[in-house]
Amino acid sequence: MSGLLFVVTAPSGAGKSSLIRAALEETPDVRLSVSYTTRAPRAGEQNGREYHFVDPQTFEAMAQRGEFLECAEVHGNRYGTSQRVIDETLARGEDLLLEIDWQGAAQVRRLYPASVAIFILPPSVEELGRRMRARGLDAEPVIERRLANAREELSHAPEFDYVIINDTFETARRDLLGVLRAERVRTARQLARRPGFFQA
C-alpha cells in the first residue's frame, strides 16, 4: 500500500517548522522530506537537515533534468522537492510530510490528489509581523515584503483540508498531531494495511 503524503504550508514566521518538529517527535514513523533551496543557511541550520542548500546553478541544472516534483520562487529564493525521494518513500508504504509554500502545495496536490493538505495560520498579520521582528533574522525591508506576501498566501488557506491557527503553540501542536494521527487511522487505510485482521 502506498504511503500517506502530508503537505504543510504557512506564511513565513507562522511557526510551521517548530510545530512540525514537535509533532513529528511523537510520530517518528512519519518522515520529513528535506527540500532543496538556493537561500543561504540561517544560524543553526545544517545542510541536509533543514534543507539541502545548493547554489542557483546547481538548482537550475536539477530543474532542467526534471528532478523536482515541484519548485517555486519564494522571497527571491528557489525551493524544490525531490520527485525521486517522494516516489520511493511512498512506494515503500512509508508516510511522508512536505513542508512547502502554497504554490508548491498546489502542484503536489495535482499530482497526488490523495495527499492531506494542512495550512497553519498566525493569529493575525500583525502578530506575524511581531514574531518576525522578534526572531531578529531579517532586515525591516525583508519583513515588510514577507508580510505583503503573507496576505496573498493567507487567501489560499480555504483550499486546504485543515487549517490550524498557531495562537498558542501547545494547542496548535496538539491540533497538528491530531490531524496526523487521525488521517493515518482512517478505515480505508487500516483495511489496506491489515486486510486479514478484518476477515470474518
Protein backbone atom coordinates (compact mmCIF):
# COMPACT_ATOMS: atom_id res chain seq x y z
CA MET A 1 0.00 0.00 0.00
CA SER A 2 1.24 3.47 -0.84
CA GLY A 3 2.33 5.73 1.98
CA LEU A 4 0.39 8.81 3.02
CA LEU A 5 1.61 12.24 1.95
CA PHE A 6 1.05 15.25 4.22
CA VAL A 7 1.56 18.74 2.80
CA VAL A 8 2.03 21.53 5.36
CA THR A 9 2.03 25.20 4.38
CA ALA A 10 2.20 28.51 6.27
CA PRO A 11 3.38 32.07 5.75
CA SER A 12 6.97 32.73 6.81
CA GLY A 13 7.11 33.31 10.57
CA ALA A 14 3.89 31.47 11.42
CA GLY A 15 5.77 28.79 13.37
CA LYS A 16 5.37 25.98 10.83
CA SER A 17 8.80 24.42 11.28
CA SER A 18 8.66 24.41 15.08
CA LEU A 19 5.19 22.85 15.06
CA ILE A 20 6.24 20.17 12.58
CA ARG A 21 9.34 19.26 14.60
CA ALA A 22 7.29 18.98 17.79
CA ALA A 23 4.55 16.88 16.17
CA LEU A 24 6.98 14.53 14.44
CA GLU A 25 8.75 13.83 17.73
CA GLU A 26 5.55 11.99 18.70
CA THR A 27 5.02 10.39 15.28
CA PRO A 28 8.52 9.11 14.43
CA ASP A 29 7.21 6.84 11.66
CA VAL A 30 6.22 9.91 9.61
CA ARG A 31 9.29 11.12 7.73
CA LEU A 32 10.04 14.76 6.97
CA SER A 33 11.01 15.43 3.36
CA VAL A 34 14.03 17.74 3.07
CA SER A 35 13.68 20.25 0.23
CA TYR A 36 16.37 21.91 -1.84
CA THR A 37 16.86 25.67 -1.69
CA THR A 38 19.12 28.38 -3.06
CA ARG A 39 18.87 30.53 0.06
CA ALA A 40 21.78 30.73 2.48
CA PRO A 41 21.61 28.71 5.71
CA ARG A 42 20.45 30.60 8.78
CA ALA A 43 22.24 30.39 12.11
CA GLY A 44 21.96 26.85 13.49
CA GLU A 45 20.74 25.27 10.25
CA GLN A 46 22.56 22.25 8.85
CA ASN A 47 22.76 21.09 5.26
CA GLY A 48 20.60 18.01 4.82
CA ARG A 49 18.59 18.62 7.98
CA GLU A 50 16.51 21.78 7.43
CA TYR A 51 17.27 21.94 3.69
CA HIS A 52 19.71 20.80 1.06
CA PHE A 53 21.46 24.12 0.40
CA VAL A 54 22.63 24.46 -3.21
CA ASP A 55 23.77 27.32 -5.43
CA PRO A 56 21.44 28.69 -8.13
CA GLN A 57 23.35 26.95 -10.92
CA THR A 58 23.01 23.53 -9.27
CA PHE A 59 19.33 24.12 -8.60
CA GLU A 60 18.68 25.15 -12.19
CA ALA A 61 20.50 22.08 -13.50
CA MET A 62 18.36 19.84 -11.29
CA ALA A 63 15.22 21.59 -12.50
CA GLN A 64 16.25 21.18 -16.14
CA ARG A 65 16.76 17.44 -15.57
CA GLY A 66 13.21 17.21 -14.18
CA GLU A 67 14.32 16.13 -10.71
CA PHE A 68 11.79 18.25 -8.82
CA LEU A 69 8.25 17.24 -8.01
CA GLU A 70 7.56 20.94 -7.51
CA CYS A 71 9.64 24.06 -7.36
CA ALA A 72 8.84 27.69 -6.69
CA GLU A 73 10.48 31.03 -6.02
CA VAL A 74 9.70 32.48 -2.60
CA HIS A 75 11.11 35.78 -1.30
CA GLY A 76 13.73 35.76 -4.04
CA ASN A 77 14.97 32.23 -3.32
CA ARG A 78 14.13 28.98 -5.09
CA TYR A 79 12.81 25.85 -3.37
CA GLY A 80 12.22 22.38 -4.77
CA THR A 81 11.15 18.89 -3.68
CA SER A 82 12.87 15.77 -5.00
CA GLN A 83 10.49 13.67 -7.11
CA ARG A 84 12.57 10.52 -6.61
CA VAL A 85 12.60 10.75 -2.81
CA ILE A 86 8.82 11.23 -2.66
CA ASP A 87 8.02 8.38 -5.05
CA GLU A 88 10.43 5.93 -3.42
CA THR A 89 9.26 6.73 0.11
CA LEU A 90 5.56 6.38 -0.72
CA ALA A 91 6.19 3.22 -2.73
CA ARG A 92 7.71 1.64 0.39
CA GLY A 93 4.44 2.36 2.20
CA GLU A 94 6.06 5.00 4.41
CA ASP A 95 4.25 8.19 5.37
CA LEU A 96 5.92 11.46 4.45
CA LEU A 97 5.44 15.13 5.34
CA LEU A 98 6.30 18.00 3.00
CA GLU A 99 6.89 21.48 4.40
CA ILE A 100 6.35 23.75 1.39
CA ASP A 101 4.76 27.01 0.29
CA TRP A 102 1.22 27.27 -1.09
CA GLN A 103 2.41 27.30 -4.72
CA GLY A 104 4.28 24.03 -4.23
CA ALA A 105 1.33 22.58 -2.32
CA ALA A 106 -0.96 23.26 -5.28
CA GLN A 107 1.46 21.48 -7.63
CA VAL A 108 1.80 18.49 -5.29
CA ARG A 109 -1.95 18.13 -4.84
CA ARG A 110 -2.49 17.95 -8.59
CA LEU A 111 -0.02 15.06 -8.79
CA TYR A 112 -1.05 13.38 -5.51
CA PRO A 113 -4.78 14.08 -5.06
CA ALA A 114 -4.93 11.76 -2.05
CA SER A 115 -2.43 13.90 -0.14
CA VAL A 116 -3.57 15.67 3.05
CA ALA A 117 -3.10 19.45 2.93
CA ILE A 118 -2.69 21.45 6.16
CA PHE A 119 -2.42 25.24 6.37
CA ILE A 120 -1.01 26.86 9.52
CA LEU A 121 -2.23 30.40 10.20
CA PRO A 122 -0.88 33.04 12.55
CA PRO A 123 -3.48 34.67 14.83
CA SER A 124 -3.22 37.83 12.69
CA VAL A 125 -0.92 39.53 10.19
CA GLU A 126 0.04 42.00 12.93
CA GLU A 127 1.11 39.17 15.21
CA LEU A 128 3.01 37.60 12.34
CA GLY A 129 4.98 40.84 11.91
CA ARG A 130 5.73 40.95 15.62
CA ARG A 131 7.04 37.38 15.55
CA MET A 132 9.23 38.07 12.52
CA ARG A 133 10.79 41.09 14.23
CA ALA A 134 11.27 39.17 17.47
CA ARG A 135 13.24 36.47 15.62
CA GLY A 136 15.77 39.08 14.52
CA LEU A 137 16.64 37.12 11.38
CA ASP A 138 15.64 39.64 8.69
CA ALA A 139 16.02 43.33 7.98
CA GLU A 140 12.88 45.51 8.07
CA PRO A 141 12.50 45.73 4.26
CA VAL A 142 12.60 41.93 4.08
CA ILE A 143 9.99 41.66 6.82
CA GLU A 144 7.71 44.12 5.05
CA ARG A 145 8.00 42.10 1.83
CA ARG A 146 7.25 38.88 3.70
CA LEU A 147 4.18 40.42 5.30
CA ALA A 148 2.89 41.58 1.94
CA ASN A 149 3.40 38.07 0.58
CA ALA A 150 1.71 36.62 3.67
CA ARG A 151 -1.52 38.46 2.90
CA GLU A 152 -1.58 36.78 -0.51
CA GLU A 153 -0.71 33.38 0.97
CA LEU A 154 -3.48 33.58 3.59
CA SER A 155 -6.08 33.91 0.85
CA HIS A 156 -5.28 30.33 -0.22
CA ALA A 157 -6.00 28.73 3.18
CA PRO A 158 -9.58 27.70 2.19
CA GLU A 159 -8.07 25.42 -0.49
CA PHE A 160 -6.59 23.15 2.21
CA ASP A 161 -8.14 20.20 4.05
CA TYR A 162 -7.24 21.51 7.50
CA VAL A 163 -6.49 24.95 8.93
CA ILE A 164 -4.62 25.25 12.24
CA ILE A 165 -4.29 28.62 13.96
CA ASN A 166 -0.98 28.92 15.80
CA ASP A 167 -2.06 31.26 18.56
CA THR A 168 -0.93 29.10 21.48
CA PHE A 169 1.92 26.80 20.44
CA GLU A 170 0.85 23.82 22.55
CA THR A 171 -2.72 23.93 21.24
CA ALA A 172 -1.50 24.17 17.65
CA ARG A 173 0.94 21.29 18.25
CA ARG A 174 -1.88 19.08 19.54
CA ASP A 175 -4.06 20.06 16.58
CA LEU A 176 -1.36 19.14 14.06
CA LEU A 177 -0.60 15.90 15.88
CA GLY A 178 -4.33 15.11 15.89
CA VAL A 179 -4.56 15.54 12.11
CA LEU A 180 -1.55 13.29 11.51
CA ARG A 181 -2.89 10.57 13.78
CA ALA A 182 -6.49 10.74 12.57
CA GLU A 183 -5.58 10.55 8.88
CA ARG A 184 -3.37 7.53 9.48
CA VAL A 185 -6.17 5.51 11.11
CA ARG A 186 -8.90 6.14 8.54
CA THR A 187 -10.87 2.95 7.90
CA ALA A 188 -9.70 2.58 4.30
CA ARG A 189 -6.04 2.78 5.36
CA GLN A 190 -6.49 0.31 8.20
CA LEU A 191 -8.24 -2.14 5.85
CA ALA A 192 -5.39 -1.84 3.35
CA ARG A 193 -2.69 -2.26 5.99
CA ARG A 194 -4.32 -5.18 7.84
CA PRO A 195 -6.69 -6.91 5.41
CA GLY A 196 -6.57 -10.26 7.17
CA PHE A 197 -7.46 -8.77 10.53
CA PHE A 198 -10.95 -7.73 9.37
CA GLN A 199 -11.93 -11.01 7.73
CA ALA A 200 -14.66 -12.99 9.46
